[in-house]
Amino acid sequence: MSNIVEILKTLSEAPGISGYEHEVRNVMKNILTPHVDEVTTDGL
């Protein structure tokens, strides 16, 4: 359970104002990469 809390804390602390969400994207990529084969993003 504490892992989920740490993930949520990390995500909520990442700066991500509208139009500048790259930090949130990077955090998500770092969290997901060990669990998936590939992480892709699109322009939206």
PDB file of N, CA and C in Angstrom:
ATOM      1  N   MET A   1       0.825  -1.197   0.000  1.00  0.00           N
ATOM      2  CA  MET A   1       0.000   0.000   0.000  1.00  0.00           C
ATOM      3  C   MET A   1       0.864   1.253   0.000  1.00  0.00           C
ATOM      4  N   SER A   2       1.950   1.265   0.739  1.00  0.00           N
ATOM      5  CA  SER A   2       2.780   2.469   0.789  1.00  0.00           C
ATOM      6  C   SER A   2       3.369   2.805  -0.573  1.00  0.00           C
ATOM      7  N   ASN A   3       3.582   1.792  -1.424  1.00  0.00           N
ATOM      8  CA  ASN A   3       4.075   2.040  -2.771  1.00  0.00           C
ATOM      9  C   ASN A   3       3.078   2.889  -3.553  1.00  0.00           C
ATOM     10  N   ILE A   4       1.806   2.607  -3.428  1.00  0.00           N
ATOM     11  CA  ILE A   4       0.774   3.384  -4.106  1.00  0.00           C
ATOM     12  C   ILE A   4       0.787   4.819  -3.592  1.00  0.00           C
ATOM     13  N   VAL A   5       0.927   4.986  -2.304  1.00  0.00           N
ATOM     14  CA  VAL A   5       0.964   6.320  -1.713  1.00  0.00           C
ATOM     15  C   VAL A   5       2.171   7.093  -2.243  1.00  0.00           C
ATOM     16  N   GLU A   6       3.318   6.443  -2.327  1.00  0.00           N
ATOM     17  CA  GLU A   6       4.519   7.101  -2.846  1.00  0.00           C
ATOM     18  C   GLU A   6       4.345   7.490  -4.313  1.00  0.00           C
ATOM     19  N   ILE A   7       3.735   6.618  -5.105  1.00  0.00           N
ATOM     20  CA  ILE A   7       3.481   6.924  -6.517  1.00  0.00           C
ATOM     21  C   ILE A   7       2.555   8.126  -6.635  1.00  0.00           C
ATOM     22  N   LEU A   8       1.476   8.127  -5.876  1.00  0.00           N
ATOM     23  CA  LEU A   8       0.539   9.250  -5.918  1.00  0.00           C
ATOM     24  C   LEU A   8       1.196  10.543  -5.444  1.00  0.00           C
ATOM     25  N   LYS A   9       2.028  10.454  -4.428  1.00  0.00           N
ATOM     26  CA  LYS A   9       2.742  11.633  -3.929  1.00  0.00           C
ATOM     27  C   LYS A   9       3.671  12.180  -5.009  1.00  0.00           C
ATOM     28  N   THR A  10       4.421  11.298  -5.655  1.00  0.00           N
ATOM     29  CA  THR A  10       5.335  11.710  -6.716  1.00  0.00           C
ATOM     30  C   THR A  10       4.585  12.366  -7.866  1.00  0.00           C
ATOM     31  N   LEU A  11       3.475  11.760  -8.274  1.00  0.00           N
ATOM     32  CA  LEU A  11       2.688  12.325  -9.372  1.00  0.00           C
ATOM     33  C   LEU A  11       2.076  13.666  -9.001  1.00  0.00           C
ATOM     34  N   SER A  12       1.570  13.778  -7.799  1.00  0.00           N
ATOM     35  CA  SER A  12       0.917  15.029  -7.406  1.00  0.00           C
ATOM     36  C   SER A  12       1.915  16.163  -7.199  1.00  0.00           C
ATOM     37  N   GLU A  13       3.165  15.833  -6.947  1.00  0.00           N
ATOM     38  CA  GLU A  13       4.192  16.857  -6.765  1.00  0.00           C
ATOM     39  C   GLU A  13       4.879  17.258  -8.067  1.00  0.00           C
ATOM     40  N   ALA A  14       4.655  16.506  -9.137  1.00  0.00           N
ATOM     41  CA  ALA A  14       5.279  16.832 -10.422  1.00  0.00           C
ATOM     42  C   ALA A  14       4.594  18.055 -11.025  1.00  0.00           C
ATOM     43  N   PRO A  15       5.379  19.052 -11.438  1.00  0.00           N
ATOM     44  CA  PRO A  15       4.764  20.229 -12.056  1.00  0.00           C
ATOM     45  C   PRO A  15       4.165  19.859 -13.404  1.00  0.00           C
ATOM     46  N   GLY A  16       2.945  20.283 -13.657  1.00  0.00           N
ATOM     47  CA  GLY A  16       2.299  19.916 -14.912  1.00  0.00           C
ATOM     48  C   GLY A  16       1.171  20.844 -15.286  1.00  0.00           C
ATOM     49  N   ILE A  17       1.472  22.135 -15.360  1.00  0.00           N
ATOM     50  CA  ILE A  17       0.417  23.061 -15.760  1.00  0.00           C
ATOM     51  C   ILE A  17       0.049  22.810 -17.218  1.00  0.00           C
ATOM     52  N   SER A  18      -1.125  23.220 -17.597  1.00  0.00           N
ATOM     53  CA  SER A  18      -1.640  22.983 -18.938  1.00  0.00           C
ATOM     54  C   SER A  18      -0.648  23.447 -20.004  1.00  0.00           C
ATOM     55  N   GLY A  19      -0.329  22.528 -20.901  1.00  0.00           N
ATOM     56  CA  GLY A  19       0.613  22.824 -21.969  1.00  0.00           C
ATOM     57  C   GLY A  19       2.056  22.470 -21.643  1.00  0.00           C
ATOM     58  N   TYR A  20       2.351  22.207 -20.401  1.00  0.00           N
ATOM     59  CA  TYR A  20       3.718  21.890 -19.967  1.00  0.00           C
ATOM     60  C   TYR A  20       3.722  20.645 -19.082  1.00  0.00           C
ATOM     61  N   GLU A  21       3.108  19.589 -19.594  1.00  0.00           N
ATOM     62  CA  GLU A  21       2.949  18.368 -18.808  1.00  0.00           C
ATOM     63  C   GLU A  21       4.113  17.398 -18.950  1.00  0.00           C
ATOM     64  N   HIS A  22       5.230  17.815 -19.555  1.00  0.00           N
ATOM     65  CA  HIS A  22       6.325  16.887 -19.818  1.00  0.00           C
ATOM     66  C   HIS A  22       6.904  16.273 -18.545  1.00  0.00           C
ATOM     67  N   GLU A  23       6.915  16.999 -17.446  1.00  0.00           N
ATOM     68  CA  GLU A  23       7.421  16.422 -16.192  1.00  0.00           C
ATOM     69  C   GLU A  23       6.524  15.281 -15.716  1.00  0.00           C
ATOM     70  N   VAL A  24       5.214  15.476 -15.808  1.00  0.00           N
ATOM     71  CA  VAL A  24       4.278  14.418 -15.411  1.00  0.00           C
ATOM     72  C   VAL A  24       4.459  13.215 -16.330  1.00  0.00           C
ATOM     73  N   ARG A  25       4.628  13.475 -17.628  1.00  0.00           N
ATOM     74  CA  ARG A  25       4.860  12.394 -18.591  1.00  0.00           C
ATOM     75  C   ARG A  25       6.118  11.619 -18.227  1.00  0.00           C
ATOM     76  N   ASN A  26       7.182  12.312 -17.886  1.00  0.00           N
ATOM     77  CA  ASN A  26       8.431  11.641 -17.520  1.00  0.00           C
ATOM     78  C   ASN A  26       8.281  10.811 -16.250  1.00  0.00           C
ATOM     79  N   VAL A  27       7.561  11.339 -15.277  1.00  0.00           N
ATOM     80  CA  VAL A  27       7.316  10.594 -14.039  1.00  0.00           C
ATOM     81  C   VAL A  27       6.524   9.324 -14.350  1.00  0.00           C
ATOM     82  N   MET A  28       5.462   9.468 -15.140  1.00  0.00           N
ATOM     83  CA  MET A  28       4.648   8.301 -15.514  1.00  0.00           C
ATOM     84  C   MET A  28       5.491   7.268 -16.257  1.00  0.00           C
ATOM     85  N   LYS A  29       6.327   7.735 -17.178  1.00  0.00           N
ATOM     86  CA  LYS A  29       7.180   6.819 -17.937  1.00  0.00           C
ATOM     87  C   LYS A  29       8.119   6.063 -17.002  1.00  0.00           C
ATOM     88  N   ASN A  30       8.716   6.765 -16.053  1.00  0.00           N
ATOM     89  CA  ASN A  30       9.621   6.114 -15.100  1.00  0.00           C
ATOM     90  C   ASN A  30       8.900   5.091 -14.227  1.00  0.00           C
ATOM     91  N   ILE A  31       7.666   5.383 -13.864  1.00  0.00           N
ATOM     92  CA  ILE A  31       6.889   4.465 -13.036  1.00  0.00           C
ATOM     93  C   ILE A  31       6.472   3.235 -13.838  1.00  0.00           C
ATOM     94  N   LEU A  32       6.046   3.450 -15.079  1.00  0.00           N
ATOM     95  CA  LEU A  32       5.489   2.364 -15.886  1.00  0.00           C
ATOM     96  C   LEU A  32       6.530   1.491 -16.583  1.00  0.00           C
ATOM     97  N   THR A  33       7.675   2.045 -16.941  1.00  0.00           N
ATOM     98  CA  THR A  33       8.674   1.332 -17.739  1.00  0.00           C
ATOM     99  C   THR A  33       9.043  -0.054 -17.197  1.00  0.00           C
ATOM    100  N   PRO A  34       9.234  -0.242 -15.905  1.00  0.00           N
ATOM    101  CA  PRO A  34       9.588  -1.580 -15.425  1.00  0.00           C
ATOM    102  C   PRO A  34       8.467  -2.619 -15.583  1.00  0.00           C
ATOM    103  N   HIS A  35       7.249  -2.171 -15.874  1.00  0.00           N
ATOM    104  CA  HIS A  35       6.104  -3.070 -15.887  1.00  0.00           C
ATOM    105  C   HIS A  35       5.524  -3.330 -17.269  1.00  0.00           C
ATOM    106  N   VAL A  36       6.053  -2.658 -18.290  1.00  0.00           N
ATOM    107  CA  VAL A  36       5.504  -2.793 -19.642  1.00  0.00           C
ATOM    108  C   VAL A  36       6.629  -2.996 -20.646  1.00  0.00           C
ATOM    109  N   ASP A  37       6.253  -3.451 -21.842  1.00  0.00           N
ATOM    110  CA  ASP A  37       7.237  -3.645 -22.901  1.00  0.00           C
ATOM    111  C   ASP A  37       7.624  -2.332 -23.571  1.00  0.00           C
ATOM    112  N   GLU A  38       6.662  -1.412 -23.666  1.00  0.00           N
ATOM    113  CA  GLU A  38       6.907  -0.175 -24.393  1.00  0.00           C
ATOM    114  C   GLU A  38       6.004   0.935 -23.856  1.00  0.00           C
ATOM    115  N   VAL A  39       6.534   2.142 -23.803  1.00  0.00           N
ATOM    116  CA  VAL A  39       5.748   3.316 -23.432  1.00  0.00           C
ATOM    117  C   VAL A  39       5.817   4.286 -24.606  1.00  0.00           C
ATOM    118  N   THR A  40       4.655   4.658 -25.141  1.00  0.00           N
ATOM    119  CA  THR A  40       4.617   5.619 -26.240  1.00  0.00           C
ATOM    120  C   THR A  40       3.746   6.803 -25.846  1.00  0.00           C
ATOM    121  N   THR A  41       3.988   7.926 -26.485  1.00  0.00           N
ATOM    122  CA  THR A  41       3.170   9.111 -26.258  1.00  0.00           C
ATOM    123  C   THR A  41       2.759   9.681 -27.606  1.00  0.00           C
ATOM    124  N   ASP A  42       1.688  10.452 -27.601  1.00  0.00           N
ATOM    125  CA  ASP A  42       1.268  11.142 -28.817  1.00  0.00           C
ATOM    126  C   ASP A  42       1.298  12.646 -28.564  1.00  0.00           C
ATOM    127  N   GLY A  43       0.940  13.402 -29.560  1.00  0.00           N
ATOM    128  CA  GLY A  43       1.027  14.847 -29.460  1.00  0.00           C
ATOM    129  C   GLY A  43      -0.035  15.491 -28.604  1.00  0.00           C
ATOM    130  N   LEU A  44      -1.026  14.745 -28.201  1.00  0.00           N
ATOM    131  CA  LEU A  44      -2.089  15.331 -27.395  1.00  0.00           C
ATOM    132  C   LEU A  44      -1.777  15.073 -25.981  1.00  0.00           C
TER     133      LEU A  44
END
